[in-house]
Amino acid sequence: MKPFVVLLSVFIISVLGIKVFRGNFEFALPGRIAMSAMLVFTAMGHFVFTKGMSMMLPSFIPFKTELVYLTGAIEIVAAFALFLPAFRALTGWLLIAFFLLILPANVYAAINHIDYQKGTFQGAGPIYLWFRIPLQILFILWIYFFAIKS
């Protein structure tokens, strides 16, 4: 829920800010600003909640902690790459792949009731997926329309 709030609030603020300073409504740049802010926000979780995020990965995956740090770093790099015109579309496609690749970790975490912030097995459970899966779809569509198509 928090990433969605960050995404939407930064988007609205950016749209209004561009309207005030440039005199017109623009949506592609605010869309990228919002996604970038959301990616930096979620990347922080990789470094703050490393233990809980490591728990989101099945036992057969090696180097869990390192993978959590790596995915956090990937999110930060992608957040900045969205502003580089030469890399924008490629970054968009890679982010779509990234969002698809991390979905199984979210499913695994939900099935196992993992609360990544507390690092416990008292999370919301599978009901969390009713929000998370549509959110992943929104992120994918957001990237497509504001980074690839624009």
C-alpha atoms as a PDB file:
ATOM      1  CA  MET A   1       0.000   0.000   0.000  1.00  0.00           C
ATOM      2  CA  LYS A   2       2.795   2.444   0.867  1.00  0.00           C
ATOM      3  CA  PRO A   3       4.465   2.196  -2.578  1.00  0.00           C
ATOM      4  CA  PHE A   4       1.090   2.934  -4.184  1.00  0.00           C
ATOM      5  CA  VAL A   5       0.624   5.994  -1.968  1.00  0.00           C
ATOM      6  CA  VAL A   6       4.117   7.232  -2.846  1.00  0.00           C
ATOM      7  CA  LEU A   7       3.531   6.624  -6.561  1.00  0.00           C
ATOM      8  CA  LEU A   8       0.171   8.384  -6.659  1.00  0.00           C
ATOM      9  CA  SER A   9       1.016  11.318  -4.386  1.00  0.00           C
ATOM     10  CA  VAL A  10       4.296  12.100  -6.170  1.00  0.00           C
ATOM     11  CA  PHE A  11       2.494  11.852  -9.512  1.00  0.00           C
ATOM     12  CA  ILE A  12      -0.210  14.317  -8.456  1.00  0.00           C
ATOM     13  CA  ILE A  13       2.317  16.742  -6.958  1.00  0.00           C
ATOM     14  CA  SER A  14       4.476  16.509 -10.091  1.00  0.00           C
ATOM     15  CA  VAL A  15       1.551  17.074 -12.468  1.00  0.00           C
ATOM     16  CA  LEU A  16       0.452  20.121 -10.484  1.00  0.00           C
ATOM     17  CA  GLY A  17       4.023  21.415 -10.152  1.00  0.00           C
ATOM     18  CA  ILE A  18       4.588  21.213 -13.902  1.00  0.00           C
ATOM     19  CA  LYS A  19       1.247  22.938 -14.501  1.00  0.00           C
ATOM     20  CA  VAL A  20       2.245  25.794 -12.185  1.00  0.00           C
ATOM     21  CA  PHE A  21       5.798  26.236 -13.496  1.00  0.00           C
ATOM     22  CA  ARG A  22       5.350  25.397 -17.183  1.00  0.00           C
ATOM     23  CA  GLY A  23       1.738  26.395 -17.631  1.00  0.00           C
ATOM     24  CA  ASN A  24       0.553  23.109 -19.126  1.00  0.00           C
ATOM     25  CA  PHE A  25      -0.400  19.651 -18.045  1.00  0.00           C
ATOM     26  CA  GLU A  26       2.177  17.000 -18.800  1.00  0.00           C
ATOM     27  CA  PHE A  27       1.943  13.396 -17.707  1.00  0.00           C
ATOM     28  CA  ALA A  28       4.951  11.462 -19.026  1.00  0.00           C
ATOM     29  CA  LEU A  29       7.560  13.276 -16.936  1.00  0.00           C
ATOM     30  CA  PRO A  30       5.443  13.221 -13.748  1.00  0.00           C
ATOM     31  CA  GLY A  31       4.841   9.520 -14.411  1.00  0.00           C
ATOM     32  CA  ARG A  32       8.590   8.897 -14.504  1.00  0.00           C
ATOM     33  CA  ILE A  33       9.209  11.111 -11.466  1.00  0.00           C
ATOM     34  CA  ALA A  34       6.561   9.188  -9.510  1.00  0.00           C
ATOM     35  CA  MET A  35       7.916   5.781 -10.536  1.00  0.00           C
ATOM     36  CA  SER A  36      11.441   6.900  -9.713  1.00  0.00           C
ATOM     37  CA  ALA A  37      10.363   8.087  -6.250  1.00  0.00           C
ATOM     38  CA  MET A  38       8.501   4.834  -5.672  1.00  0.00           C
ATOM     39  CA  LEU A  39      11.535   2.782  -6.734  1.00  0.00           C
ATOM     40  CA  VAL A  40      13.838   4.686  -4.377  1.00  0.00           C
ATOM     41  CA  PHE A  41      11.260   4.278  -1.597  1.00  0.00           C
ATOM     42  CA  THR A  42      10.970   0.520  -2.117  1.00  0.00           C
ATOM     43  CA  ALA A  43      14.736   0.181  -2.543  1.00  0.00           C
ATOM     44  CA  MET A  44      15.206   1.606   0.946  1.00  0.00           C
ATOM     45  CA  GLY A  45      13.200  -1.330   2.251  1.00  0.00           C
ATOM     46  CA  HIS A  46      15.809  -3.705   0.844  1.00  0.00           C
ATOM     47  CA  PHE A  47      18.423  -2.121   3.097  1.00  0.00           C
ATOM     48  CA  VAL A  48      16.222  -1.485   6.151  1.00  0.00           C
ATOM     49  CA  PHE A  49      14.223  -4.748   6.151  1.00  0.00           C
ATOM     50  CA  THR A  50      16.893  -7.060   4.739  1.00  0.00           C
ATOM     51  CA  LYS A  51      16.106  -9.962   7.085  1.00  0.00           C
ATOM     52  CA  GLY A  52      12.395  -9.946   6.284  1.00  0.00           C
ATOM     53  CA  MET A  53      12.983  -9.545   2.571  1.00  0.00           C
ATOM     54  CA  SER A  54      15.416 -12.458   2.662  1.00  0.00           C
ATOM     55  CA  MET A  55      12.633 -14.523   4.211  1.00  0.00           C
ATOM     56  CA  MET A  56      10.525 -13.803   1.117  1.00  0.00           C
ATOM     57  CA  LEU A  57      12.826 -16.020  -0.953  1.00  0.00           C
ATOM     58  CA  PRO A  58      12.401 -19.809  -0.967  1.00  0.00           C
ATOM     59  CA  SER A  59      15.076 -21.877   0.772  1.00  0.00           C
ATOM     60  CA  PHE A  60      16.537 -23.215  -2.487  1.00  0.00           C
ATOM     61  CA  ILE A  61      17.690 -19.721  -3.536  1.00  0.00           C
ATOM     62  CA  PRO A  62      21.294 -19.086  -2.446  1.00  0.00           C
ATOM     63  CA  PHE A  63      22.803 -15.771  -1.319  1.00  0.00           C
ATOM     64  CA  LYS A  64      19.486 -14.348  -0.188  1.00  0.00           C
ATOM     65  CA  THR A  65      20.884 -11.339   1.640  1.00  0.00           C
ATOM     66  CA  GLU A  66      23.113 -10.442  -1.276  1.00  0.00           C
ATOM     67  CA  LEU A  67      20.190 -10.821  -3.663  1.00  0.00           C
ATOM     68  CA  VAL A  68      18.062  -8.490  -1.541  1.00  0.00           C
ATOM     69  CA  TYR A  69      20.838  -5.871  -1.597  1.00  0.00           C
ATOM     70  CA  LEU A  70      21.315  -6.372  -5.342  1.00  0.00           C
ATOM     71  CA  THR A  71      17.628  -5.904  -6.124  1.00  0.00           C
ATOM     72  CA  GLY A  72      17.593  -2.762  -3.978  1.00  0.00           C
ATOM     73  CA  ALA A  73      20.550  -1.418  -5.935  1.00  0.00           C
ATOM     74  CA  ILE A  74      18.829  -2.328  -9.209  1.00  0.00           C
ATOM     75  CA  GLU A  75      15.781  -0.318  -8.167  1.00  0.00           C
ATOM     76  CA  ILE A  76      17.944   2.726  -7.397  1.00  0.00           C
ATOM     77  CA  VAL A  77      19.824   2.513 -10.697  1.00  0.00           C
ATOM     78  CA  ALA A  78      16.548   2.097 -12.593  1.00  0.00           C
ATOM     79  CA  ALA A  79      15.064   5.095 -10.775  1.00  0.00           C
ATOM     80  CA  PHE A  80      17.792   7.297 -12.213  1.00  0.00           C
ATOM     81  CA  ALA A  81      17.932   5.598 -15.622  1.00  0.00           C
ATOM     82  CA  LEU A  82      14.300   6.527 -16.244  1.00  0.00           C
ATOM     83  CA  PHE A  83      15.527  10.099 -16.745  1.00  0.00           C
ATOM     84  CA  LEU A  84      18.158   9.219 -19.357  1.00  0.00           C
ATOM     85  CA  PRO A  85      16.442   9.375 -22.759  1.00  0.00           C
ATOM     86  CA  ALA A  86      18.913   6.947 -24.351  1.00  0.00           C
ATOM     87  CA  PHE A  87      18.163   4.321 -21.677  1.00  0.00           C
ATOM     88  CA  ARG A  88      14.513   5.069 -20.868  1.00  0.00           C
ATOM     89  CA  ALA A  89      12.860   2.401 -23.033  1.00  0.00           C
ATOM     90  CA  LEU A  90      15.419  -0.266 -22.161  1.00  0.00           C
ATOM     91  CA  THR A  91      15.034   0.573 -18.473  1.00  0.00           C
ATOM     92  CA  GLY A  92      11.269   0.340 -18.883  1.00  0.00           C
ATOM     93  CA  TRP A  93      11.435  -3.133 -20.407  1.00  0.00           C
ATOM     94  CA  LEU A  94      13.924  -4.270 -17.754  1.00  0.00           C
ATOM     95  CA  LEU A  95      11.658  -2.933 -15.005  1.00  0.00           C
ATOM     96  CA  ILE A  96       8.712  -4.832 -16.474  1.00  0.00           C
ATOM     97  CA  ALA A  97      10.826  -8.003 -16.406  1.00  0.00           C
ATOM     98  CA  PHE A  98      11.926  -7.139 -12.861  1.00  0.00           C
ATOM     99  CA  PHE A  99       8.320  -6.683 -11.682  1.00  0.00           C
ATOM    100  CA  LEU A 100       7.394 -10.028 -13.208  1.00  0.00           C
ATOM    101  CA  LEU A 101      10.412 -11.746 -11.636  1.00  0.00           C
ATOM    102  CA  ILE A 102       9.721 -10.461  -8.126  1.00  0.00           C
ATOM    103  CA  LEU A 103       6.049 -11.449  -8.175  1.00  0.00           C
ATOM    104  CA  PRO A 104       6.799 -15.072  -7.182  1.00  0.00           C
ATOM    105  CA  ALA A 105       8.629 -13.778  -4.089  1.00  0.00           C
ATOM    106  CA  ASN A 106       5.514 -11.835  -3.143  1.00  0.00           C
ATOM    107  CA  VAL A 107       3.359 -14.918  -3.688  1.00  0.00           C
ATOM    108  CA  TYR A 108       5.756 -17.039  -1.604  1.00  0.00           C
ATOM    109  CA  ALA A 109       5.748 -14.425   1.160  1.00  0.00           C
ATOM    110  CA  ALA A 110       1.951 -14.268   1.182  1.00  0.00           C
ATOM    111  CA  ILE A 111       1.527 -18.038   1.258  1.00  0.00           C
ATOM    112  CA  ASN A 112       4.001 -18.268   4.146  1.00  0.00           C
ATOM    113  CA  HIS A 113       2.511 -15.279   6.023  1.00  0.00           C
ATOM    114  CA  ILE A 114       5.829 -13.411   5.968  1.00  0.00           C
ATOM    115  CA  ASP A 115       5.835  -9.919   7.415  1.00  0.00           C
ATOM    116  CA  TYR A 116       8.968  -8.562   5.765  1.00  0.00           C
ATOM    117  CA  GLN A 117       9.049  -5.429   7.936  1.00  0.00           C
ATOM    118  CA  LYS A 118       9.101  -7.399  11.187  1.00  0.00           C
ATOM    119  CA  GLY A 119      10.910 -10.451   9.831  1.00  0.00           C
ATOM    120  CA  THR A 120       8.230 -12.789  11.201  1.00  0.00           C
ATOM    121  CA  PHE A 121       5.702 -15.330   9.974  1.00  0.00           C
ATOM    122  CA  GLN A 122       2.717 -13.262  11.144  1.00  0.00           C
ATOM    123  CA  GLY A 123       2.013 -11.452   7.867  1.00  0.00           C
ATOM    124  CA  ALA A 124      -1.349 -10.911   6.205  1.00  0.00           C
ATOM    125  CA  GLY A 125      -1.138 -14.135   4.236  1.00  0.00           C
ATOM    126  CA  PRO A 126      -2.696 -14.913   0.850  1.00  0.00           C
ATOM    127  CA  ILE A 127      -5.293 -12.142   1.204  1.00  0.00           C
ATOM    128  CA  TYR A 128      -2.380  -9.756   0.602  1.00  0.00           C
ATOM    129  CA  LEU A 129      -2.243 -11.015  -2.992  1.00  0.00           C
ATOM    130  CA  TRP A 130      -5.648  -9.454  -3.724  1.00  0.00           C
ATOM    131  CA  PHE A 131      -3.847  -6.128  -3.440  1.00  0.00           C
ATOM    132  CA  ARG A 132      -0.323  -7.052  -4.515  1.00  0.00           C
ATOM    133  CA  ILE A 133      -1.066  -8.685  -7.867  1.00  0.00           C
ATOM    134  CA  PRO A 134      -3.177  -5.764  -9.158  1.00  0.00           C
ATOM    135  CA  LEU A 135      -0.465  -3.429  -7.848  1.00  0.00           C
ATOM    136  CA  GLN A 136       2.197  -5.291  -9.856  1.00  0.00           C
ATOM    137  CA  ILE A 137      -0.012  -4.990 -12.941  1.00  0.00           C
ATOM    138  CA  LEU A 138      -0.394  -1.258 -12.280  1.00  0.00           C
ATOM    139  CA  PHE A 139       3.410  -0.883 -11.994  1.00  0.00           C
ATOM    140  CA  ILE A 140       3.905  -2.715 -15.285  1.00  0.00           C
ATOM    141  CA  LEU A 141       1.305  -0.602 -17.081  1.00  0.00           C
ATOM    142  CA  TRP A 142       2.708   2.552 -15.494  1.00  0.00           C
ATOM    143  CA  ILE A 143       6.196   1.780 -16.778  1.00  0.00           C
ATOM    144  CA  TYR A 144       4.867   0.921 -20.210  1.00  0.00           C
ATOM    145  CA  PHE A 145       2.900   4.151 -20.622  1.00  0.00           C
ATOM    146  CA  PHE A 146       5.306   6.592 -18.944  1.00  0.00           C
ATOM    147  CA  ALA A 147       8.707   5.145 -19.875  1.00  0.00           C
ATOM    148  CA  ILE A 148       8.349   3.013 -22.992  1.00  0.00           C
ATOM    149  CA  LYS A 149       5.432   4.438 -24.947  1.00  0.00           C
ATOM    150  CA  SER A 150       6.022   8.120 -24.154  1.00  0.00           C
END
